[in-house]
């Protein structure tokens, strides 16, 4: 678990505790985004922490589009981009 996640949660967890819950959350986000954009081919692609501000990025890809969810101390947003480059912010991200 990264220092950013530890700070945001306000506690630490062992990998045995954190990893299954984190994986379940990613699976739930994948299902939610897939339903929102109407694309059942959407799959989780990667997760990264962007330094120096600790922004967390979760990326999902499908045959049609890329969905990126970013979360920082200041804001969270979800952006959908199709293969043609059209972008749309998903409300409530």
PDB file of N, CA and C in Angstrom:
ATOM      1  N   UNK A   1       0.863  -1.166   0.000  1.00  0.00           N
ATOM      2  CA  UNK A   1       0.000   0.000   0.000  1.00  0.00           C
ATOM      3  C   UNK A   1       0.906   1.224   0.000  1.00  0.00           C
ATOM      4  N   UNK A   2       0.609   2.172  -0.886  1.00  0.00           N
ATOM      5  CA  UNK A   2       1.455   3.361  -0.999  1.00  0.00           C
ATOM      6  C   UNK A   2       1.264   4.304   0.191  1.00  0.00           C
ATOM      7  N   UNK A   3       2.216   5.204   0.357  1.00  0.00           N
ATOM      8  CA  UNK A   3       2.109   6.202   1.426  1.00  0.00           C
ATOM      9  C   UNK A   3       0.893   7.095   1.219  1.00  0.00           C
ATOM     10  N   UNK A   4       0.564   7.390  -0.033  1.00  0.00           N
ATOM     11  CA  UNK A   4      -0.604   8.222  -0.329  1.00  0.00           C
ATOM     12  C   UNK A   4      -1.881   7.546   0.148  1.00  0.00           C
ATOM     13  N   UNK A   5      -2.028   6.271  -0.160  1.00  0.00           N
ATOM     14  CA  UNK A   5      -3.235   5.547   0.266  1.00  0.00           C
ATOM     15  C   UNK A   5      -3.274   5.444   1.779  1.00  0.00           C
ATOM     16  N   UNK A   6      -2.149   5.136   2.400  1.00  0.00           N
ATOM     17  CA  UNK A   6      -2.081   5.067   3.859  1.00  0.00           C
ATOM     18  C   UNK A   6      -2.516   6.386   4.482  1.00  0.00           C
ATOM     19  N   UNK A   7      -2.022   7.503   3.942  1.00  0.00           N
ATOM     20  CA  UNK A   7      -2.376   8.823   4.475  1.00  0.00           C
ATOM     21  C   UNK A   7      -3.868   9.095   4.300  1.00  0.00           C
ATOM     22  N   UNK A   8      -4.418   8.778   3.134  1.00  0.00           N
ATOM     23  CA  UNK A   8      -5.834   9.060   2.889  1.00  0.00           C
ATOM     24  C   UNK A   8      -6.753   8.205   3.736  1.00  0.00           C
ATOM     25  N   UNK A   9      -6.371   6.953   3.953  1.00  0.00           N
ATOM     26  CA  UNK A   9      -7.191   6.077   4.780  1.00  0.00           C
ATOM     27  C   UNK A   9      -7.019   6.366   6.261  1.00  0.00           C
ATOM     28  N   UNK A  10      -5.870   6.914   6.615  1.00  0.00           N
ATOM     29  CA  UNK A  10      -5.600   7.240   8.011  1.00  0.00           C
ATOM     30  C   UNK A  10      -5.128   6.056   8.826  1.00  0.00           C
ATOM     31  N   UNK A  11      -4.779   4.976   8.155  1.00  0.00           N
ATOM     32  CA  UNK A  11      -4.296   3.775   8.844  1.00  0.00           C
ATOM     33  C   UNK A  11      -3.534   2.911   7.849  1.00  0.00           C
ATOM     34  N   UNK A  12      -2.920   1.851   8.350  1.00  0.00           N
ATOM     35  CA  UNK A  12      -2.240   0.910   7.469  1.00  0.00           C
ATOM     36  C   UNK A  12      -2.944  -0.439   7.528  1.00  0.00           C
ATOM     37  N   UNK A  13      -2.811  -1.187   6.468  1.00  0.00           N
ATOM     38  CA  UNK A  13      -3.334  -2.541   6.386  1.00  0.00           C
ATOM     39  C   UNK A  13      -2.223  -3.432   5.852  1.00  0.00           C
ATOM     40  N   UNK A  14      -2.271  -4.694   6.203  1.00  0.00           N
ATOM     41  CA  UNK A  14      -1.332  -5.639   5.607  1.00  0.00           C
ATOM     42  C   UNK A  14      -1.785  -5.893   4.168  1.00  0.00           C
ATOM     43  N   UNK A  15      -0.881  -6.384   3.347  1.00  0.00           N
ATOM     44  CA  UNK A  15      -1.237  -6.716   1.965  1.00  0.00           C
ATOM     45  C   UNK A  15      -2.347  -7.769   1.944  1.00  0.00           C
ATOM     46  N   UNK A  16      -2.318  -8.700   2.886  1.00  0.00           N
ATOM     47  CA  UNK A  16      -3.343  -9.745   2.954  1.00  0.00           C
ATOM     48  C   UNK A  16      -4.734  -9.155   3.207  1.00  0.00           C
ATOM     49  N   UNK A  17      -4.799  -8.043   3.928  1.00  0.00           N
ATOM     50  CA  UNK A  17      -6.076  -7.374   4.187  1.00  0.00           C
ATOM     51  C   UNK A  17      -6.449  -6.425   3.056  1.00  0.00           C
ATOM     52  N   UNK A  18      -5.476  -5.652   2.598  1.00  0.00           N
ATOM     53  CA  UNK A  18      -5.756  -4.590   1.630  1.00  0.00           C
ATOM     54  C   UNK A  18      -6.003  -5.118   0.215  1.00  0.00           C
ATOM     55  N   UNK A  19      -5.149  -6.014  -0.255  1.00  0.00           N
ATOM     56  CA  UNK A  19      -5.200  -6.437  -1.663  1.00  0.00           C
ATOM     57  C   UNK A  19      -6.543  -7.012  -2.102  1.00  0.00           C
ATOM     58  N   UNK A  20      -7.172  -7.930  -1.359  1.00  0.00           N
ATOM     59  CA  UNK A  20      -8.466  -8.452  -1.801  1.00  0.00           C
ATOM     60  C   UNK A  20      -9.564  -7.380  -1.847  1.00  0.00           C
ATOM     61  N   UNK A  21      -9.559  -6.495  -0.860  1.00  0.00           N
ATOM     62  CA  UNK A  21     -10.556  -5.417  -0.847  1.00  0.00           C
ATOM     63  C   UNK A  21     -10.315  -4.441  -1.997  1.00  0.00           C
ATOM     64  N   UNK A  22      -9.055  -4.135  -2.263  1.00  0.00           N
ATOM     65  CA  UNK A  22      -8.700  -3.229  -3.361  1.00  0.00           C
ATOM     66  C   UNK A  22      -9.101  -3.839  -4.700  1.00  0.00           C
ATOM     67  N   UNK A  23      -8.830  -5.121  -4.865  1.00  0.00           N
ATOM     68  CA  UNK A  23      -9.192  -5.826  -6.093  1.00  0.00           C
ATOM     69  C   UNK A  23     -10.714  -5.828  -6.292  1.00  0.00           C
ATOM     70  N   UNK A  24     -11.460  -6.052  -5.220  1.00  0.00           N
ATOM     71  CA  UNK A  24     -12.925  -6.037  -5.299  1.00  0.00           C
ATOM     72  C   UNK A  24     -13.436  -4.654  -5.682  1.00  0.00           C
ATOM     73  N   UNK A  25     -12.792  -3.609  -5.150  1.00  0.00           N
ATOM     74  CA  UNK A  25     -13.182  -2.240  -5.517  1.00  0.00           C
ATOM     75  C   UNK A  25     -12.934  -1.957  -6.988  1.00  0.00           C
ATOM     76  N   UNK A  26     -11.813  -2.408  -7.507  1.00  0.00           N
ATOM     77  CA  UNK A  26     -11.504  -2.206  -8.928  1.00  0.00           C
ATOM     78  C   UNK A  26     -12.507  -2.964  -9.797  1.00  0.00           C
ATOM     79  N   UNK A  27     -12.867  -4.181  -9.396  1.00  0.00           N
ATOM     80  CA  UNK A  27     -13.866  -4.945 -10.148  1.00  0.00           C
ATOM     81  C   UNK A  27     -15.214  -4.222 -10.146  1.00  0.00           C
ATOM     82  N   UNK A  28     -15.590  -3.639  -9.010  1.00  0.00           N
ATOM     83  CA  UNK A  28     -16.853  -2.895  -8.929  1.00  0.00           C
ATOM     84  C   UNK A  28     -16.806  -1.638  -9.800  1.00  0.00           C
ATOM     85  N   UNK A  29     -15.670  -0.919  -9.789  1.00  0.00           N
ATOM     86  CA  UNK A  29     -15.528   0.262 -10.653  1.00  0.00           C
ATOM     87  C   UNK A  29     -15.602  -0.126 -12.125  1.00  0.00           C
ATOM     88  N   UNK A  30     -14.968  -1.229 -12.481  1.00  0.00           N
ATOM     89  CA  UNK A  30     -15.003  -1.687 -13.871  1.00  0.00           C
ATOM     90  C   UNK A  30     -16.439  -1.942 -14.307  1.00  0.00           C
ATOM     91  N   UNK A  31     -17.195  -2.633 -13.482  1.00  0.00           N
ATOM     92  CA  UNK A  31     -18.599  -2.917 -13.801  1.00  0.00           C
ATOM     93  C   UNK A  31     -19.407  -1.627 -13.908  1.00  0.00           C
ATOM     94  N   UNK A  32     -19.199  -0.711 -12.971  1.00  0.00           N
ATOM     95  CA  UNK A  32     -19.921   0.564 -12.985  1.00  0.00           C
ATOM     96  C   UNK A  32     -19.620   1.363 -14.252  1.00  0.00           C
ATOM     97  N   UNK A  33     -18.332   1.556 -14.568  1.00  0.00           N
ATOM     98  CA  UNK A  33     -17.973   2.320 -15.761  1.00  0.00           C
ATOM     99  C   UNK A  33     -18.478   1.638 -17.026  1.00  0.00           C
ATOM    100  N   UNK A  34     -18.405   0.309 -17.070  1.00  0.00           N
ATOM    101  CA  UNK A  34     -18.888  -0.451 -18.214  1.00  0.00           C
ATOM    102  C   UNK A  34     -20.375  -0.189 -18.438  1.00  0.00           C
ATOM    103  N   UNK A  35     -21.137  -0.165 -17.356  1.00  0.00           N
ATOM    104  CA  UNK A  35     -22.576   0.109 -17.453  1.00  0.00           C
ATOM    105  C   UNK A  35     -22.857   1.554 -17.848  1.00  0.00           C
ATOM    106  N   UNK A  36     -22.098   2.484 -17.280  1.00  0.00           N
ATOM    107  CA  UNK A  36     -22.319   3.910 -17.569  1.00  0.00           C
ATOM    108  C   UNK A  36     -22.086   4.217 -19.037  1.00  0.00           C
ATOM    109  N   UNK A  37     -21.007   3.667 -19.608  1.00  0.00           N
ATOM    110  CA  UNK A  37     -20.713   3.987 -21.010  1.00  0.00           C
ATOM    111  C   UNK A  37     -21.312   2.964 -21.981  1.00  0.00           C
ATOM    112  N   UNK A  38     -21.957   1.926 -21.454  1.00  0.00           N
ATOM    113  CA  UNK A  38     -22.614   0.943 -22.309  1.00  0.00           C
ATOM    114  C   UNK A  38     -21.637   0.112 -23.128  1.00  0.00           C
ATOM    115  N   UNK A  39     -20.527  -0.274 -22.517  1.00  0.00           N
ATOM    116  CA  UNK A  39     -19.492  -1.019 -23.231  1.00  0.00           C
ATOM    117  C   UNK A  39     -19.037  -2.188 -22.364  1.00  0.00           C
ATOM    118  N   UNK A  40     -19.540  -3.375 -22.660  1.00  0.00           N
ATOM    119  CA  UNK A  40     -19.238  -4.545 -21.848  1.00  0.00           C
ATOM    120  C   UNK A  40     -17.832  -5.101 -22.072  1.00  0.00           C
ATOM    121  N   UNK A  41     -17.077  -4.517 -23.020  1.00  0.00           N
ATOM    122  CA  UNK A  41     -15.698  -4.975 -23.249  1.00  0.00           C
ATOM    123  C   UNK A  41     -14.692  -4.232 -22.369  1.00  0.00           C
ATOM    124  N   UNK A  42     -15.165  -3.284 -21.552  1.00  0.00           N
ATOM    125  CA  UNK A  42     -14.268  -2.503 -20.697  1.00  0.00           C
ATOM    126  C   UNK A  42     -13.583  -3.393 -19.667  1.00  0.00           C
ATOM    127  N   UNK A  43     -12.269  -3.230 -19.523  1.00  0.00           N
ATOM    128  CA  UNK A  43     -11.472  -3.991 -18.570  1.00  0.00           C
ATOM    129  C   UNK A  43     -10.493  -3.065 -17.862  1.00  0.00           C
ATOM    130  N   UNK A  44     -10.140  -3.410 -16.619  1.00  0.00           N
ATOM    131  CA  UNK A  44      -9.132  -2.655 -15.877  1.00  0.00           C
ATOM    132  C   UNK A  44      -7.801  -2.820 -16.595  1.00  0.00           C
ATOM    133  N   UNK A  45      -7.058  -1.706 -16.762  1.00  0.00           N
ATOM    134  CA  UNK A  45      -5.781  -1.753 -17.466  1.00  0.00           C
ATOM    135  C   UNK A  45      -4.599  -1.566 -16.518  1.00  0.00           C
ATOM    136  N   UNK A  46      -4.585  -0.450 -15.766  1.00  0.00           N
ATOM    137  CA  UNK A  46      -3.469  -0.233 -14.850  1.00  0.00           C
ATOM    138  C   UNK A  46      -3.832   0.799 -13.786  1.00  0.00           C
ATOM    139  N   UNK A  47      -2.974   0.831 -12.772  1.00  0.00           N
ATOM    140  CA  UNK A  47      -3.086   1.798 -11.678  1.00  0.00           C
ATOM    141  C   UNK A  47      -1.692   2.361 -11.454  1.00  0.00           C
ATOM    142  N   UNK A  48      -1.624   3.681 -11.225  1.00  0.00           N
ATOM    143  CA  UNK A  48      -0.325   4.283 -10.926  1.00  0.00           C
ATOM    144  C   UNK A  48      -0.508   5.477 -10.007  1.00  0.00           C
ATOM    145  N   UNK A  49       0.562   5.790  -9.306  1.00  0.00           N
ATOM    146  CA  UNK A  49       0.592   6.982  -8.465  1.00  0.00           C
ATOM    147  C   UNK A  49       1.523   7.978  -9.130  1.00  0.00           C
ATOM    148  N   UNK A  50       1.008   9.165  -9.404  1.00  0.00           N
ATOM    149  CA  UNK A  50       1.811  10.209 -10.056  1.00  0.00           C
ATOM    150  C   UNK A  50       2.345  11.154  -9.000  1.00  0.00           C
ATOM    151  N   UNK A  51       3.629  11.233  -8.966  1.00  0.00           N
ATOM    152  CA  UNK A  51       4.291  12.114  -8.011  1.00  0.00           C
ATOM    153  C   UNK A  51       4.592  13.446  -8.674  1.00  0.00           C
ATOM    154  N   UNK A  52       4.740  14.544  -8.011  1.00  0.00           N
ATOM    155  CA  UNK A  52       4.955  14.658  -6.573  1.00  0.00           C
ATOM    156  C   UNK A  52       3.676  14.804  -5.766  1.00  0.00           C
ATOM    157  N   UNK A  53       2.526  15.032  -6.392  1.00  0.00           N
ATOM    158  CA  UNK A  53       1.328  15.326  -5.601  1.00  0.00           C
ATOM    159  C   UNK A  53       0.549  14.089  -5.179  1.00  0.00           C
ATOM    160  N   UNK A  54       0.964  12.903  -5.610  1.00  0.00           N
ATOM    161  CA  UNK A  54       0.304  11.679  -5.168  1.00  0.00           C
ATOM    162  C   UNK A  54      -1.021  11.400  -5.835  1.00  0.00           C
ATOM    163  N   UNK A  55      -1.275  11.980  -7.008  1.00  0.00           N
ATOM    164  CA  UNK A  55      -2.512  11.683  -7.723  1.00  0.00           C
ATOM    165  C   UNK A  55      -2.547  10.203  -8.069  1.00  0.00           C
ATOM    166  N   UNK A  56      -3.667   9.566  -7.771  1.00  0.00           N
ATOM    167  CA  UNK A  56      -3.848   8.156  -8.106  1.00  0.00           C
ATOM    168  C   UNK A  56      -4.614   8.066  -9.420  1.00  0.00           C
ATOM    169  N   UNK A  57      -4.140   7.230 -10.325  1.00  0.00           N
ATOM    170  CA  UNK A  57      -4.766   7.062 -11.630  1.00  0.00           C
ATOM    171  C   UNK A  57      -5.161   5.596 -11.793  1.00  0.00           C
ATOM    172  N   UNK A  58      -6.416   5.385 -12.167  1.00  0.00           N
ATOM    173  CA  UNK A  58      -6.914   4.053 -12.483  1.00  0.00           C
ATOM    174  C   UNK A  58      -7.397   4.102 -13.928  1.00  0.00           C
ATOM    175  N   UNK A  59      -6.830   3.270 -14.795  1.00  0.00           N
ATOM    176  CA  UNK A  59      -7.176   3.303 -16.217  1.00  0.00           C
ATOM    177  C   UNK A  59      -7.883   2.013 -16.605  1.00  0.00           C
ATOM    178  N   UNK A  60      -8.898   2.163 -17.425  1.00  0.00           N
ATOM    179  CA  UNK A  60      -9.691   1.054 -17.932  1.00  0.00           C
ATOM    180  C   UNK A  60      -9.737   1.199 -19.446  1.00  0.00           C
ATOM    181  N   UNK A  61      -9.663   0.097 -20.179  1.00  0.00           N
ATOM    182  CA  UNK A  61      -9.686   0.158 -21.639  1.00  0.00           C
ATOM    183  C   UNK A  61     -10.681  -0.846 -22.201  1.00  0.00           C
ATOM    184  N   UNK A  62     -11.177  -0.504 -23.378  1.00  0.00           N
ATOM    185  CA  UNK A  62     -12.050  -1.415 -24.110  1.00  0.00           C
ATOM    186  C   UNK A  62     -11.709  -1.311 -25.587  1.00  0.00           C
ATOM    187  N   UNK A  63     -12.446  -2.042 -26.398  1.00  0.00           N
ATOM    188  CA  UNK A  63     -12.249  -1.936 -27.844  1.00  0.00           C
ATOM    189  C   UNK A  63     -12.645  -0.551 -28.352  1.00  0.00           C
ATOM    190  N   UNK A  64     -13.529   0.124 -27.624  1.00  0.00           N
ATOM    191  CA  UNK A  64     -14.073   1.408 -28.077  1.00  0.00           C
ATOM    192  C   UNK A  64     -13.446   2.624 -27.416  1.00  0.00           C
ATOM    193  N   UNK A  65     -12.964   2.486 -26.162  1.00  0.00           N
ATOM    194  CA  UNK A  65     -12.616   3.696 -25.404  1.00  0.00           C
ATOM    195  C   UNK A  65     -11.633   3.409 -24.280  1.00  0.00           C
ATOM    196  N   UNK A  66     -11.168   4.500 -23.688  1.00  0.00           N
ATOM    197  CA  UNK A  66     -10.359   4.474 -22.483  1.00  0.00           C
ATOM    198  C   UNK A  66     -11.090   5.293 -21.425  1.00  0.00           C
ATOM    199  N   UNK A  67     -11.165   4.780 -20.225  1.00  0.00           N
ATOM    200  CA  UNK A  67     -11.725   5.526 -19.101  1.00  0.00           C
ATOM    201  C   UNK A  67     -10.614   5.683 -18.076  1.00  0.00           C
ATOM    202  N   UNK A  68     -10.380   6.924 -17.648  1.00  0.00           N
ATOM    203  CA  UNK A  68      -9.350   7.211 -16.653  1.00  0.00           C
ATOM    204  C   UNK A  68     -10.008   7.882 -15.460  1.00  0.00           C
ATOM    205  N   UNK A  69      -9.816   7.308 -14.282  1.00  0.00           N
ATOM    206  CA  UNK A  69     -10.295   7.903 -13.045  1.00  0.00           C
ATOM    207  C   UNK A  69      -9.074   8.404 -12.297  1.00  0.00           C
ATOM    208  N   UNK A  70      -9.069   9.686 -11.966  1.00  0.00           N
ATOM    209  CA  UNK A  70      -7.957  10.261 -11.216  1.00  0.00           C
ATOM    210  C   UNK A  70      -8.470  10.817  -9.895  1.00  0.00           C
ATOM    211  N   UNK A  71      -7.658  10.666  -8.879  1.00  0.00           N
ATOM    212  CA  UNK A  71      -8.022  11.130  -7.553  1.00  0.00           C
ATOM    213  C   UNK A  71      -6.808  11.786  -6.912  1.00  0.00           C
ATOM    214  N   UNK A  72      -6.986  13.032  -6.495  1.00  0.00           N
ATOM    215  CA  UNK A  72      -5.925  13.740  -5.784  1.00  0.00           C
ATOM    216  C   UNK A  72      -6.507  14.298  -4.499  1.00  0.00           C
ATOM    217  N   UNK A  73      -5.670  14.964  -3.742  1.00  0.00           N
ATOM    218  CA  UNK A  73      -6.151  15.589  -2.501  1.00  0.00           C
ATOM    219  C   UNK A  73      -7.228  16.639  -2.791  1.00  0.00           C
ATOM    220  N   UNK A  74      -7.134  17.271  -3.966  1.00  0.00           N
ATOM    221  CA  UNK A  74      -8.036  18.376  -4.294  1.00  0.00           C
ATOM    222  C   UNK A  74      -9.327  17.938  -4.980  1.00  0.00           C
ATOM    223  N   UNK A  75      -9.262  16.905  -5.833  1.00  0.00           N
ATOM    224  CA  UNK A  75     -10.447  16.548  -6.612  1.00  0.00           C
ATOM    225  C   UNK A  75     -10.332  15.137  -7.164  1.00  0.00           C
ATOM    226  N   UNK A  76     -11.462  14.642  -7.641  1.00  0.00           N
ATOM    227  CA  UNK A  76     -11.502  13.377  -8.361  1.00  0.00           C
ATOM    228  C   UNK A  76     -12.277  13.627  -9.644  1.00  0.00           C
ATOM    229  N   UNK A  77     -11.842  13.002 -10.723  1.00  0.00           N
ATOM    230  CA  UNK A  77     -12.575  13.149 -11.969  1.00  0.00           C
ATOM    231  C   UNK A  77     -12.444  11.884 -12.788  1.00  0.00           C
ATOM    232  N   UNK A  78     -13.445  11.658 -13.626  1.00  0.00           N
ATOM    233  CA  UNK A  78     -13.447  10.508 -14.505  1.00  0.00           C
ATOM    234  C   UNK A  78     -13.597  11.007 -15.926  1.00  0.00           C
ATOM    235  N   UNK A  79     -12.680  10.592 -16.782  1.00  0.00           N
ATOM    236  CA  UNK A  79     -12.672  11.038 -18.173  1.00  0.00           C
ATOM    237  C   UNK A  79     -12.790   9.834 -19.094  1.00  0.00           C
ATOM    238  N   UNK A  80     -13.685   9.914 -20.070  1.00  0.00           N
ATOM    239  CA  UNK A  80     -13.867   8.886 -21.083  1.00  0.00           C
ATOM    240  C   UNK A  80     -13.357   9.436 -22.404  1.00  0.00           C
ATOM    241  N   UNK A  81     -12.589   8.647 -23.136  1.00  0.00           N
ATOM    242  CA  UNK A  81     -12.086   9.067 -24.440  1.00  0.00           C
ATOM    243  C   UNK A  81     -12.231   7.908 -25.411  1.00  0.00           C
ATOM    244  N   UNK A  82     -12.914   8.167 -26.555  1.00  0.00           N
ATOM    245  CA  UNK A  82     -13.067   7.095 -27.531  1.00  0.00           C
ATOM    246  C   UNK A  82     -11.860   7.022 -28.451  1.00  0.00           C
ATOM    247  N   UNK A  83     -11.837   6.047 -29.329  1.00  0.00           N
ATOM    248  CA  UNK A  83     -10.683   5.827 -30.204  1.00  0.00           C
ATOM    249  C   UNK A  83     -10.462   6.976 -31.188  1.00  0.00           C
ATOM    250  N   UNK A  84     -11.478   7.806 -31.423  1.00  0.00           N
ATOM    251  CA  UNK A  84     -11.343   8.954 -32.321  1.00  0.00           C
ATOM    252  C   UNK A  84     -10.813  10.192 -31.600  1.00  0.00           C
ATOM    253  N   UNK A  85     -10.654  10.110 -30.282  1.00  0.00           N
ATOM    254  CA  UNK A  85     -10.133  11.234 -29.517  1.00  0.00           C
ATOM    255  C   UNK A  85     -11.202  12.106 -28.891  1.00  0.00           C
ATOM    256  N   UNK A  86     -12.483  11.741 -29.058  1.00  0.00           N
ATOM    257  CA  UNK A  86     -13.560  12.516 -28.416  1.00  0.00           C
ATOM    258  C   UNK A  86     -13.521  12.237 -26.909  1.00  0.00           C
ATOM    259  N   UNK A  87     -13.601  13.323 -26.120  1.00  0.00           N
ATOM    260  CA  UNK A  87     -13.540  13.187 -24.665  1.00  0.00           C
ATOM    261  C   UNK A  87     -14.842  13.611 -24.014  1.00  0.00           C
ATOM    262  N   UNK A  88     -15.131  12.990 -22.894  1.00  0.00           N
ATOM    263  CA  UNK A  88     -16.328  13.304 -22.132  1.00  0.00           C
ATOM    264  C   UNK A  88     -16.027  13.082 -20.655  1.00  0.00           C
ATOM    265  N   UNK A  89     -16.328  14.076 -19.832  1.00  0.00           N
ATOM    266  CA  UNK A  89     -16.182  13.885 -18.395  1.00  0.00           C
ATOM    267  C   UNK A  89     -17.432  13.202 -17.882  1.00  0.00           C
ATOM    268  N   UNK A  90     -17.244  12.139 -17.107  1.00  0.00           N
ATOM    269  CA  UNK A  90     -18.370  11.399 -16.549  1.00  0.00           C
ATOM    270  C   UNK A  90     -18.723  12.027 -15.214  1.00  0.00           C
ATOM    271  N   UNK A  91     -19.981  12.473 -15.087  1.00  0.00           N
ATOM    272  CA  UNK A  91     -20.442  13.160 -13.882  1.00  0.00           C
ATOM    273  C   UNK A  91     -20.322  12.266 -12.666  1.00  0.00           C
ATOM    274  N   UNK A  92     -20.039  12.896 -11.543  1.00  0.00           N
ATOM    275  CA  UNK A  92     -19.953  12.171 -10.289  1.00  0.00           C
ATOM    276  C   UNK A  92     -18.647  11.437 -10.110  1.00  0.00           C
ATOM    277  N   UNK A  93     -17.669  11.717 -11.003  1.00  0.00           N
ATOM    278  CA  UNK A  93     -16.383  11.022 -10.919  1.00  0.00           C
ATOM    279  C   UNK A  93     -15.678  11.380  -9.682  1.00  0.00           C
TER     280      UNK A  93
END
